[in-house]
Amino acid sequence: MYKASLTKLHEEMRRCRRCLEAGYPITPGAIFSGPATATVMVVGQAPGVREKETGLPFSGKAGKRLFQWLKQAGWQEDDFRAMQYITAITKCYPGKGNGRGDRVPTAAERRLCTPFLARELDIVRPQLVIPVGRVAIDHFLGRGKLADLIGVVFKRDGRLFLPLPHPSGANLWLNRPKSQALIHAALDHLRQLKQEMAL
């Protein structure tokens, strides 16, 4: 039942043109991956330009770093992609930004996509959600300093959340020694959760 429901949702997300019809310069075509049986859900900000080309979430440079982190926690990329679920706050490529990196989806775009994310969570029912980057972290945990959020495991409505910073090379926060220590703490928690919960 859950597999059928997820397949139907995926079809709806791929057909969606809400942001395009509202005038936002996106490239339509929702990008996500993973089965309804996943115990972990990674939620990013939005697909990047590489993801637009491959149709695979976190397949660019930022994804390479993310999967290096996940490997430190005990997951090989192929296994994680096959067994766990990867999605984003907004599902389509938002286009290039004015500075480094891609355009950050507006609050209005995020609201248009929120029902899809809610349904993904309802169908997949992950035990652990990993919000990646500021937009995803704010969505699940509220606005706060990354220094107070990274390296901490949160529990909300019976579900665990372990935030990670955006792995993009444009994210200068990653280069600070204190930030590196927080990331290591987060990955230690993730490794422990993987073992304890058999994720």
N, C-alpha and C. Protein backbone atom coordinates (compact mmCIF):
# COMPACT_ATOMS: atom_id res chain seq x y z
N MET A 1 0.82 -1.21 0.00
CA MET A 1 0.00 0.00 0.00
C MET A 1 0.86 1.26 0.00
N TYR A 2 1.87 1.25 0.89
CA TYR A 2 2.72 2.43 0.97
C TYR A 2 3.51 2.65 -0.31
N LYS A 3 3.96 1.54 -0.93
CA LYS A 3 4.69 1.64 -2.19
C LYS A 3 3.81 2.25 -3.27
N ALA A 4 2.56 1.82 -3.35
CA ALA A 4 1.64 2.36 -4.34
C ALA A 4 1.37 3.84 -4.09
N SER A 5 1.20 4.20 -2.82
CA SER A 5 0.95 5.60 -2.47
C SER A 5 2.14 6.47 -2.83
N LEU A 6 3.36 5.97 -2.59
CA LEU A 6 4.55 6.75 -2.91
C LEU A 6 4.72 6.90 -4.42
N THR A 7 4.43 5.84 -5.16
CA THR A 7 4.50 5.91 -6.62
C THR A 7 3.54 6.97 -7.16
N LYS A 8 2.35 7.01 -6.62
CA LYS A 8 1.36 8.01 -7.04
C LYS A 8 1.84 9.42 -6.70
N LEU A 9 2.41 9.59 -5.51
CA LEU A 9 2.93 10.90 -5.12
C LEU A 9 4.07 11.32 -6.04
N HIS A 10 4.96 10.40 -6.37
CA HIS A 10 6.07 10.72 -7.27
C HIS A 10 5.56 11.20 -8.62
N GLU A 11 4.52 10.56 -9.12
CA GLU A 11 3.94 10.98 -10.39
C GLU A 11 3.39 12.40 -10.30
N GLU A 12 2.72 12.70 -9.19
CA GLU A 12 2.17 14.05 -8.99
C GLU A 12 3.28 15.08 -8.92
N MET A 13 4.37 14.77 -8.21
CA MET A 13 5.47 15.72 -8.08
C MET A 13 6.14 15.98 -9.42
N ARG A 14 6.28 14.95 -10.22
CA ARG A 14 6.90 15.13 -11.54
C ARG A 14 6.03 15.99 -12.46
N ARG A 15 4.73 15.89 -12.31
CA ARG A 15 3.81 16.68 -13.17
C ARG A 15 3.61 18.11 -12.67
N CYS A 16 3.99 18.40 -11.45
CA CYS A 16 3.68 19.69 -10.82
C CYS A 16 4.29 20.86 -11.60
N ARG A 17 3.51 21.93 -11.76
CA ARG A 17 3.97 23.15 -12.43
C ARG A 17 3.58 24.38 -11.60
N ARG A 18 3.32 24.19 -10.31
CA ARG A 18 2.82 25.29 -9.48
C ARG A 18 3.78 26.48 -9.47
N CYS A 19 5.05 26.24 -9.21
CA CYS A 19 6.01 27.35 -9.13
C CYS A 19 6.20 28.02 -10.49
N LEU A 20 6.25 27.22 -11.53
CA LEU A 20 6.41 27.76 -12.89
C LEU A 20 5.22 28.65 -13.24
N GLU A 21 4.02 28.20 -12.92
CA GLU A 21 2.81 28.97 -13.21
C GLU A 21 2.72 30.23 -12.34
N ALA A 22 3.37 30.21 -11.19
CA ALA A 22 3.40 31.39 -10.32
C ALA A 22 4.48 32.38 -10.73
N GLY A 23 5.25 32.04 -11.77
CA GLY A 23 6.23 32.97 -12.31
C GLY A 23 7.65 32.80 -11.82
N TYR A 24 7.93 31.71 -11.13
CA TYR A 24 9.30 31.50 -10.63
C TYR A 24 10.14 30.80 -11.70
N PRO A 25 11.43 31.21 -11.82
CA PRO A 25 12.27 30.72 -12.92
C PRO A 25 12.87 29.34 -12.67
N ILE A 26 12.03 28.37 -12.36
CA ILE A 26 12.52 27.03 -12.09
C ILE A 26 12.62 26.21 -13.37
N THR A 27 13.32 25.10 -13.28
CA THR A 27 13.28 24.09 -14.33
C THR A 27 12.38 22.97 -13.82
N PRO A 28 11.17 22.82 -14.36
CA PRO A 28 10.25 21.82 -13.81
C PRO A 28 10.78 20.41 -13.95
N GLY A 29 10.45 19.59 -12.97
CA GLY A 29 10.90 18.21 -12.96
C GLY A 29 11.41 17.85 -11.58
N ALA A 30 10.54 17.30 -10.74
CA ALA A 30 10.90 16.99 -9.36
C ALA A 30 11.98 15.92 -9.30
N ILE A 31 12.90 16.09 -8.36
CA ILE A 31 14.03 15.18 -8.21
C ILE A 31 14.04 14.64 -6.79
N PHE A 32 14.10 13.31 -6.66
CA PHE A 32 14.04 12.63 -5.37
C PHE A 32 14.46 11.19 -5.63
N SER A 33 14.67 10.42 -4.58
CA SER A 33 14.96 9.00 -4.76
C SER A 33 14.71 8.25 -3.46
N GLY A 34 14.48 6.95 -3.58
CA GLY A 34 14.37 6.11 -2.41
C GLY A 34 13.05 5.38 -2.29
N PRO A 35 13.04 4.30 -1.49
CA PRO A 35 11.86 3.46 -1.34
C PRO A 35 10.97 3.88 -0.17
N ALA A 36 9.76 3.39 -0.17
CA ALA A 36 8.82 3.66 0.93
C ALA A 36 9.26 3.00 2.22
N THR A 37 10.17 2.04 2.15
CA THR A 37 10.64 1.31 3.32
C THR A 37 11.83 1.98 4.01
N ALA A 38 12.25 3.14 3.54
CA ALA A 38 13.42 3.82 4.11
C ALA A 38 13.20 4.15 5.59
N THR A 39 14.27 4.04 6.36
CA THR A 39 14.23 4.43 7.77
C THR A 39 14.87 5.79 8.01
N VAL A 40 15.61 6.27 7.00
CA VAL A 40 16.27 7.58 7.07
C VAL A 40 15.81 8.41 5.88
N MET A 41 15.54 9.69 6.13
CA MET A 41 15.20 10.61 5.05
C MET A 41 16.14 11.81 5.11
N VAL A 42 16.88 12.02 4.03
CA VAL A 42 17.71 13.22 3.88
C VAL A 42 16.88 14.26 3.15
N VAL A 43 16.84 15.48 3.70
CA VAL A 43 16.06 16.56 3.08
C VAL A 43 16.98 17.75 2.83
N GLY A 44 17.23 18.05 1.58
CA GLY A 44 18.07 19.19 1.22
C GLY A 44 17.24 20.43 0.94
N GLN A 45 17.89 21.44 0.36
CA GLN A 45 17.22 22.70 0.05
C GLN A 45 16.45 22.61 -1.26
N ALA A 46 17.16 22.22 -2.32
CA ALA A 46 16.58 22.10 -3.66
C ALA A 46 17.62 21.42 -4.53
N PRO A 47 17.22 20.80 -5.63
CA PRO A 47 18.21 20.20 -6.54
C PRO A 47 19.11 21.28 -7.14
N GLY A 48 20.35 20.88 -7.46
CA GLY A 48 21.29 21.77 -8.12
C GLY A 48 21.32 21.52 -9.62
N VAL A 49 22.23 22.22 -10.30
CA VAL A 49 22.31 22.11 -11.75
C VAL A 49 22.72 20.71 -12.18
N ARG A 50 23.60 20.08 -11.44
CA ARG A 50 24.02 18.71 -11.76
C ARG A 50 22.85 17.74 -11.58
N GLU A 51 22.09 17.94 -10.53
CA GLU A 51 20.93 17.09 -10.28
C GLU A 51 19.90 17.24 -11.39
N LYS A 52 19.78 18.45 -11.91
CA LYS A 52 18.86 18.68 -13.04
C LYS A 52 19.26 17.82 -14.24
N GLU A 53 20.56 17.64 -14.43
CA GLU A 53 21.06 16.86 -15.57
C GLU A 53 20.93 15.36 -15.34
N THR A 54 21.21 14.92 -14.10
CA THR A 54 21.24 13.48 -13.82
C THR A 54 19.89 12.93 -13.34
N GLY A 55 19.05 13.81 -12.78
CA GLY A 55 17.80 13.36 -12.18
C GLY A 55 18.01 12.63 -10.86
N LEU A 56 19.20 12.74 -10.29
CA LEU A 56 19.55 12.03 -9.06
C LEU A 56 19.91 13.05 -7.98
N PRO A 57 19.25 13.03 -6.82
CA PRO A 57 19.55 14.01 -5.77
C PRO A 57 20.97 13.89 -5.24
N PHE A 58 21.55 15.02 -4.92
CA PHE A 58 22.90 15.09 -4.37
C PHE A 58 23.90 14.32 -5.24
N SER A 59 23.89 14.60 -6.54
CA SER A 59 24.82 13.94 -7.46
C SER A 59 25.93 14.87 -7.94
N GLY A 60 25.95 16.11 -7.43
CA GLY A 60 27.00 17.05 -7.80
C GLY A 60 28.11 17.10 -6.75
N LYS A 61 28.85 18.19 -6.74
CA LYS A 61 29.98 18.34 -5.81
C LYS A 61 29.52 18.32 -4.36
N ALA A 62 28.39 19.00 -4.08
CA ALA A 62 27.88 19.00 -2.71
C ALA A 62 27.50 17.58 -2.29
N GLY A 63 26.94 16.82 -3.22
CA GLY A 63 26.58 15.45 -2.92
C GLY A 63 27.79 14.58 -2.62
N LYS A 64 28.87 14.85 -3.33
CA LYS A 64 30.11 14.09 -3.07
C LYS A 64 30.55 14.27 -1.63
N ARG A 65 30.50 15.52 -1.16
CA ARG A 65 30.88 15.77 0.23
C ARG A 65 29.88 15.15 1.19
N LEU A 66 28.58 15.26 0.89
CA LEU A 66 27.57 14.66 1.77
C LEU A 66 27.80 13.16 1.91
N PHE A 67 28.08 12.48 0.81
CA PHE A 67 28.28 11.03 0.89
C PHE A 67 29.61 10.67 1.53
N GLN A 68 30.58 11.58 1.52
CA GLN A 68 31.79 11.37 2.31
C GLN A 68 31.45 11.40 3.79
N TRP A 69 30.58 12.33 4.17
CA TRP A 69 30.13 12.38 5.56
C TRP A 69 29.37 11.12 5.93
N LEU A 70 28.45 10.70 5.08
CA LEU A 70 27.66 9.51 5.38
C LEU A 70 28.54 8.26 5.45
N LYS A 71 29.59 8.22 4.65
CA LYS A 71 30.52 7.10 4.71
C LYS A 71 31.21 7.05 6.07
N GLN A 72 31.55 8.22 6.61
CA GLN A 72 32.15 8.26 7.94
C GLN A 72 31.20 7.72 9.00
N ALA A 73 29.90 7.82 8.74
CA ALA A 73 28.90 7.30 9.67
C ALA A 73 28.57 5.84 9.42
N GLY A 74 29.15 5.26 8.34
CA GLY A 74 28.97 3.83 8.11
C GLY A 74 28.15 3.44 6.90
N TRP A 75 27.78 4.40 6.04
CA TRP A 75 26.99 4.08 4.85
C TRP A 75 27.83 4.23 3.59
N GLN A 76 27.77 3.24 2.71
CA GLN A 76 28.30 3.39 1.37
C GLN A 76 27.24 4.08 0.52
N GLU A 77 27.66 4.89 -0.44
CA GLU A 77 26.70 5.67 -1.22
C GLU A 77 25.67 4.79 -1.92
N ASP A 78 26.10 3.74 -2.59
CA ASP A 78 25.16 2.89 -3.34
C ASP A 78 24.12 2.27 -2.40
N ASP A 79 24.56 1.82 -1.23
CA ASP A 79 23.65 1.22 -0.27
C ASP A 79 22.66 2.25 0.26
N PHE A 80 23.17 3.44 0.56
CA PHE A 80 22.29 4.48 1.09
C PHE A 80 21.24 4.87 0.07
N ARG A 81 21.67 5.06 -1.17
CA ARG A 81 20.72 5.45 -2.22
C ARG A 81 19.66 4.37 -2.44
N ALA A 82 20.05 3.11 -2.31
CA ALA A 82 19.12 2.02 -2.56
C ALA A 82 18.12 1.83 -1.42
N MET A 83 18.54 2.12 -0.20
CA MET A 83 17.73 1.77 0.97
C MET A 83 17.07 2.96 1.65
N GLN A 84 17.62 4.17 1.48
CA GLN A 84 17.10 5.34 2.18
C GLN A 84 16.49 6.35 1.20
N TYR A 85 15.84 7.36 1.75
CA TYR A 85 15.07 8.30 0.93
C TYR A 85 15.76 9.66 0.91
N ILE A 86 15.84 10.26 -0.26
CA ILE A 86 16.47 11.58 -0.41
C ILE A 86 15.51 12.50 -1.16
N THR A 87 15.26 13.67 -0.58
CA THR A 87 14.36 14.63 -1.21
C THR A 87 14.83 16.04 -0.86
N ALA A 88 13.98 17.03 -1.07
CA ALA A 88 14.34 18.42 -0.77
C ALA A 88 13.09 19.21 -0.41
N ILE A 89 13.32 20.37 0.17
CA ILE A 89 12.21 21.26 0.54
C ILE A 89 11.44 21.66 -0.71
N THR A 90 12.15 22.10 -1.75
CA THR A 90 11.52 22.32 -3.05
C THR A 90 12.12 21.30 -4.02
N LYS A 91 11.30 20.78 -4.90
CA LYS A 91 11.67 19.58 -5.66
C LYS A 91 12.35 19.84 -6.99
N CYS A 92 12.24 21.06 -7.52
CA CYS A 92 12.75 21.36 -8.86
C CYS A 92 13.96 22.29 -8.78
N TYR A 93 14.78 22.27 -9.82
CA TYR A 93 15.97 23.13 -9.87
C TYR A 93 15.53 24.59 -9.94
N PRO A 94 15.98 25.44 -8.98
CA PRO A 94 15.52 26.83 -8.92
C PRO A 94 16.26 27.79 -9.84
N GLY A 95 17.36 27.37 -10.45
CA GLY A 95 18.14 28.27 -11.29
C GLY A 95 19.32 28.86 -10.53
N LYS A 96 20.18 29.54 -11.28
CA LYS A 96 21.38 30.13 -10.68
C LYS A 96 21.03 31.37 -9.87
N GLY A 97 21.81 31.60 -8.81
CA GLY A 97 21.64 32.79 -7.99
C GLY A 97 22.45 33.94 -8.54
N ASN A 98 22.37 35.08 -7.86
CA ASN A 98 23.13 36.26 -8.30
C ASN A 98 24.61 36.17 -7.94
N GLY A 99 24.92 35.42 -6.88
CA GLY A 99 26.31 35.26 -6.47
C GLY A 99 26.78 33.85 -6.73
N ARG A 100 27.48 33.29 -5.74
CA ARG A 100 27.95 31.90 -5.86
C ARG A 100 26.78 30.96 -5.60
N GLY A 101 26.74 29.90 -6.35
CA GLY A 101 25.73 28.87 -6.09
C GLY A 101 24.40 29.15 -6.76
N ASP A 102 23.44 28.28 -6.42
CA ASP A 102 22.11 28.36 -7.01
C ASP A 102 21.21 29.30 -6.22
N ARG A 103 20.13 29.71 -6.86
CA ARG A 103 19.17 30.59 -6.21
C ARG A 103 18.47 29.85 -5.07
N VAL A 104 18.34 30.54 -3.94
CA VAL A 104 17.61 29.95 -2.81
C VAL A 104 16.11 30.11 -3.08
N PRO A 105 15.36 29.02 -3.03
CA PRO A 105 13.91 29.14 -3.27
C PRO A 105 13.26 30.11 -2.30
N THR A 106 12.32 30.89 -2.78
CA THR A 106 11.63 31.86 -1.94
C THR A 106 10.71 31.15 -0.94
N ALA A 107 10.26 31.91 0.05
CA ALA A 107 9.32 31.36 1.03
C ALA A 107 8.03 30.91 0.34
N ALA A 108 7.61 31.65 -0.69
CA ALA A 108 6.39 31.28 -1.42
C ALA A 108 6.57 29.95 -2.15
N GLU A 109 7.72 29.75 -2.77
CA GLU A 109 7.99 28.48 -3.44
C GLU A 109 8.00 27.33 -2.43
N ARG A 110 8.60 27.58 -1.29
CA ARG A 110 8.64 26.54 -0.26
C ARG A 110 7.24 26.17 0.20
N ARG A 111 6.38 27.16 0.33
CA ARG A 111 5.00 26.87 0.74
C ARG A 111 4.27 26.04 -0.31
N LEU A 112 4.55 26.31 -1.58
CA LEU A 112 3.91 25.55 -2.65
C LEU A 112 4.33 24.08 -2.63
N CYS A 113 5.56 23.82 -2.18
CA CYS A 113 6.08 22.46 -2.17
C CYS A 113 5.85 21.73 -0.84
N THR A 114 5.54 22.46 0.22
CA THR A 114 5.41 21.86 1.54
C THR A 114 4.44 20.68 1.59
N PRO A 115 3.28 20.74 0.92
CA PRO A 115 2.38 19.57 0.97
C PRO A 115 3.01 18.29 0.44
N PHE A 116 3.89 18.40 -0.55
CA PHE A 116 4.56 17.22 -1.07
C PHE A 116 5.48 16.61 -0.01
N LEU A 117 6.24 17.46 0.65
CA LEU A 117 7.15 16.97 1.69
C LEU A 117 6.37 16.32 2.83
N ALA A 118 5.26 16.93 3.21
CA ALA A 118 4.44 16.37 4.28
C ALA A 118 3.94 14.97 3.91
N ARG A 119 3.56 14.80 2.66
CA ARG A 119 3.08 13.49 2.21
C ARG A 119 4.22 12.47 2.13
N GLU A 120 5.40 12.91 1.71
CA GLU A 120 6.56 12.01 1.71
C GLU A 120 6.82 11.49 3.13
N LEU A 121 6.78 12.40 4.10
CA LEU A 121 7.01 12.01 5.49
C LEU A 121 5.93 11.05 5.99
N ASP A 122 4.69 11.32 5.62
CA ASP A 122 3.58 10.46 6.05
C ASP A 122 3.67 9.05 5.46
N ILE A 123 4.11 8.97 4.22
CA ILE A 123 4.17 7.67 3.55
C ILE A 123 5.42 6.88 3.97
N VAL A 124 6.57 7.54 3.95
CA VAL A 124 7.83 6.85 4.26
C VAL A 124 7.98 6.58 5.76
N ARG A 125 7.55 7.52 6.57
CA ARG A 125 7.64 7.39 8.03
C ARG A 125 9.06 7.09 8.51
N PRO A 126 10.02 7.93 8.16
CA PRO A 126 11.40 7.67 8.57
C PRO A 126 11.56 7.80 10.09
N GLN A 127 12.46 7.00 10.63
CA GLN A 127 12.78 7.13 12.05
C GLN A 127 13.69 8.33 12.28
N LEU A 128 14.52 8.62 11.29
CA LEU A 128 15.49 9.71 11.39
C LEU A 128 15.39 10.59 10.16
N VAL A 129 15.31 11.91 10.38
CA VAL A 129 15.36 12.89 9.29
C VAL A 129 16.67 13.66 9.42
N ILE A 130 17.38 13.78 8.30
CA ILE A 130 18.63 14.56 8.27
C ILE A 130 18.39 15.79 7.41
N PRO A 131 18.06 16.94 8.04
CA PRO A 131 17.92 18.18 7.26
C PRO A 131 19.31 18.69 6.89
N VAL A 132 19.53 18.95 5.62
CA VAL A 132 20.84 19.38 5.14
C VAL A 132 20.76 20.82 4.66
N GLY A 133 21.44 21.71 5.36
CA GLY A 133 21.47 23.11 4.97
C GLY A 133 20.44 23.96 5.69
N ARG A 134 20.65 25.26 5.62
CA ARG A 134 19.87 26.23 6.38
C ARG A 134 18.37 26.15 6.10
N VAL A 135 17.98 26.06 4.84
CA VAL A 135 16.56 26.06 4.49
C VAL A 135 15.86 24.85 5.10
N ALA A 136 16.46 23.68 4.96
CA ALA A 136 15.85 22.46 5.51
C ALA A 136 15.87 22.47 7.04
N ILE A 137 16.96 22.94 7.62
CA ILE A 137 17.05 22.99 9.09
C ILE A 137 15.98 23.93 9.65
N ASP A 138 15.83 25.10 9.04
CA ASP A 138 14.82 26.06 9.50
C ASP A 138 13.42 25.45 9.41
N HIS A 139 13.16 24.71 8.35
CA HIS A 139 11.84 24.11 8.16
C HIS A 139 11.48 23.18 9.31
N PHE A 140 12.41 22.35 9.70
CA PHE A 140 12.10 21.34 10.71
C PHE A 140 12.35 21.80 12.15
N LEU A 141 13.37 22.63 12.35
CA LEU A 141 13.81 22.94 13.72
C LEU A 141 13.67 24.41 14.08
N GLY A 142 13.27 25.24 13.13
CA GLY A 142 13.17 26.67 13.41
C GLY A 142 14.52 27.34 13.24
N ARG A 143 14.45 28.66 13.20
CA ARG A 143 15.67 29.45 12.96
C ARG A 143 16.56 29.40 14.20
N GLY A 144 17.82 29.17 13.99
CA GLY A 144 18.79 29.15 15.09
C GLY A 144 20.19 29.19 14.52
N LYS A 145 21.17 29.43 15.37
CA LYS A 145 22.55 29.45 14.91
C LYS A 145 23.01 28.03 14.60
N LEU A 146 23.72 27.88 13.49
CA LEU A 146 24.23 26.55 13.15
C LEU A 146 25.10 25.99 14.27
N ALA A 147 25.83 26.86 14.94
CA ALA A 147 26.70 26.41 16.03
C ALA A 147 25.91 25.79 17.17
N ASP A 148 24.62 26.12 17.28
CA ASP A 148 23.78 25.55 18.34
C ASP A 148 22.98 24.34 17.85
N LEU A 149 23.02 24.07 16.55
CA LEU A 149 22.18 23.03 15.98
C LEU A 149 22.98 21.83 15.45
N ILE A 150 24.13 22.10 14.82
CA ILE A 150 24.94 21.02 14.28
C ILE A 150 25.63 20.29 15.42
N GLY A 151 25.58 18.97 15.37
CA GLY A 151 26.18 18.17 16.42
C GLY A 151 25.21 17.78 17.51
N VAL A 152 23.93 18.12 17.32
CA VAL A 152 22.88 17.82 18.31
C VAL A 152 21.80 16.97 17.65
N VAL A 153 21.28 16.00 18.39
CA VAL A 153 20.15 15.20 17.92
C VAL A 153 18.89 15.74 18.59
N PHE A 154 17.87 16.02 17.79
CA PHE A 154 16.61 16.57 18.29
C PHE A 154 15.51 15.52 18.14
N LYS A 155 14.52 15.59 19.01
CA LYS A 155 13.36 14.72 18.89
C LYS A 155 12.12 15.58 18.80
N ARG A 156 11.32 15.36 17.75
CA ARG A 156 10.09 16.09 17.52
C ARG A 156 8.99 15.10 17.12
N ASP A 157 7.91 15.07 17.87
CA ASP A 157 6.76 14.22 17.53
C ASP A 157 7.16 12.77 17.29
N GLY A 158 8.04 12.26 18.13
CA GLY A 158 8.43 10.87 18.05
C GLY A 158 9.44 10.53 16.98
N ARG A 159 9.99 11.54 16.32
CA ARG A 159 10.96 11.32 15.25
C ARG A 159 12.26 12.05 15.57
N LEU A 160 13.39 11.45 15.20
CA LEU A 160 14.69 12.07 15.45
C LEU A 160 15.12 12.93 14.26
N PHE A 161 15.80 14.02 14.57
CA PHE A 161 16.33 14.93 13.56
C PHE A 161 17.81 15.19 13.87
N LEU A 162 18.64 15.02 12.87
CA LEU A 162 20.07 15.30 13.02
C LEU A 162 20.49 16.22 11.88
N PRO A 163 20.58 17.53 12.14
CA PRO A 163 20.90 18.48 11.07
C PRO A 163 22.37 18.44 10.66
N LEU A 164 22.59 18.68 9.38
CA LEU A 164 23.93 18.84 8.83
C LEU A 164 23.99 20.14 8.04
N PRO A 165 25.16 20.79 8.00
CA PRO A 165 25.27 22.02 7.21
C PRO A 165 25.23 21.70 5.72
N HIS A 166 24.97 22.72 4.91
CA HIS A 166 24.97 22.49 3.47
C HIS A 166 26.39 22.14 3.03
N PRO A 167 26.57 21.04 2.29
CA PRO A 167 27.92 20.61 1.92
C PRO A 167 28.51 21.31 0.70
N SER A 168 27.86 22.37 0.24
CA SER A 168 28.34 23.10 -0.94
C SER A 168 29.69 23.76 -0.68
N GLY A 169 30.51 23.82 -1.73
CA GLY A 169 31.78 24.53 -1.64
C GLY A 169 31.59 26.02 -1.42
N ALA A 170 30.39 26.54 -1.70
CA ALA A 170 30.11 27.97 -1.48
C ALA A 170 29.83 28.27 -0.01
N ASN A 171 29.69 27.24 0.81
CA ASN A 171 29.39 27.42 2.23
C ASN A 171 30.69 27.60 3.01
N LEU A 172 31.05 28.84 3.28
CA LEU A 172 32.31 29.13 3.96
C LEU A 172 32.29 28.71 5.43
N TRP A 173 31.10 28.50 5.99
CA TRP A 173 30.98 28.06 7.38
C TRP A 173 31.72 26.76 7.61
N LEU A 174 31.78 25.92 6.59
CA LEU A 174 32.42 24.60 6.72
C LEU A 174 33.91 24.69 6.99
N ASN A 175 34.54 25.81 6.61
CA ASN A 175 35.99 25.91 6.69
C ASN A 175 36.50 26.29 8.08
N ARG A 176 35.61 26.66 8.98
CA ARG A 176 36.04 27.07 10.32
C ARG A 176 36.37 25.85 11.17
N PRO A 177 37.45 25.91 11.94
CA PRO A 177 37.81 24.77 12.80
C PRO A 177 36.68 24.36 13.75
N LYS A 178 35.98 25.32 14.34
CA LYS A 178 34.88 24.99 15.25
C LYS A 178 33.75 24.28 14.50
N SER A 179 33.53 24.70 13.26
CA SER A 179 32.49 24.05 12.45
C SER A 179 32.87 22.61 12.16
N GLN A 180 34.14 22.39 11.84
CA GLN A 180 34.61 21.03 11.57
C GLN A 180 34.38 20.12 12.78
N ALA A 181 34.62 20.66 13.97
CA ALA A 181 34.41 19.88 15.20
C ALA A 181 32.93 19.53 15.38
N LEU A 182 32.05 20.46 15.05
CA LEU A 182 30.61 20.21 15.17
C LEU A 182 30.15 19.15 14.16
N ILE A 183 30.70 19.22 12.95
CA ILE A 183 30.35 18.22 11.94
C ILE A 183 30.79 16.83 12.40
N HIS A 184 32.00 16.74 12.94
CA HIS A 184 32.48 15.45 13.45
C HIS A 184 31.57 14.93 14.56
N ALA A 185 31.11 15.83 15.43
CA ALA A 185 30.20 15.42 16.50
C ALA A 185 28.89 14.90 15.91
N ALA A 186 28.38 15.57 14.88
CA ALA A 186 27.15 15.14 14.24
C ALA A 186 27.31 13.76 13.62
N LEU A 187 28.45 13.52 12.97
CA LEU A 187 28.69 12.23 12.34
C LEU A 187 28.89 11.13 13.37
N ASP A 188 29.46 11.46 14.51
CA ASP A 188 29.57 10.49 15.60
C ASP A 188 28.18 10.08 16.08
N HIS A 189 27.29 11.07 16.24
CA HIS A 189 25.91 10.77 16.63
C HIS A 189 25.23 9.89 15.58
N LEU A 190 25.46 10.22 14.32
CA LEU A 190 24.83 9.48 13.23
C LEU A 190 25.32 8.03 13.20
N ARG A 191 26.61 7.85 13.40
CA ARG A 191 27.18 6.49 13.44
C ARG A 191 26.57 5.68 14.58
N GLN A 192 26.43 6.34 15.73
CA GLN A 192 25.85 5.67 16.90
C GLN A 192 24.38 5.31 16.67
N LEU A 193 23.62 6.24 16.09
CA LEU A 193 22.21 5.98 15.80
C LEU A 193 22.06 4.84 14.80
N LYS A 194 22.92 4.82 13.79
CA LYS A 194 22.87 3.74 12.79
C LYS A 194 23.03 2.38 13.47
N GLN A 195 23.93 2.29 14.42
CA GLN A 195 24.19 1.04 15.11
C GLN A 195 23.07 0.69 16.07
N GLU A 196 22.64 1.67 16.86
CA GLU A 196 21.64 1.42 17.89
C GLU A 196 20.26 1.10 17.32
N MET A 197 19.91 1.80 16.23
CA MET A 197 18.56 1.67 15.67
C MET A 197 18.53 0.78 14.43
N ALA A 198 19.69 0.24 14.05
CA ALA A 198 19.80 -0.61 12.86
C ALA A 198 19.22 0.09 11.63
N LEU A 199 19.62 1.34 11.45
CA LEU A 199 19.10 2.14 10.34
C LEU A 199 19.68 1.69 9.01
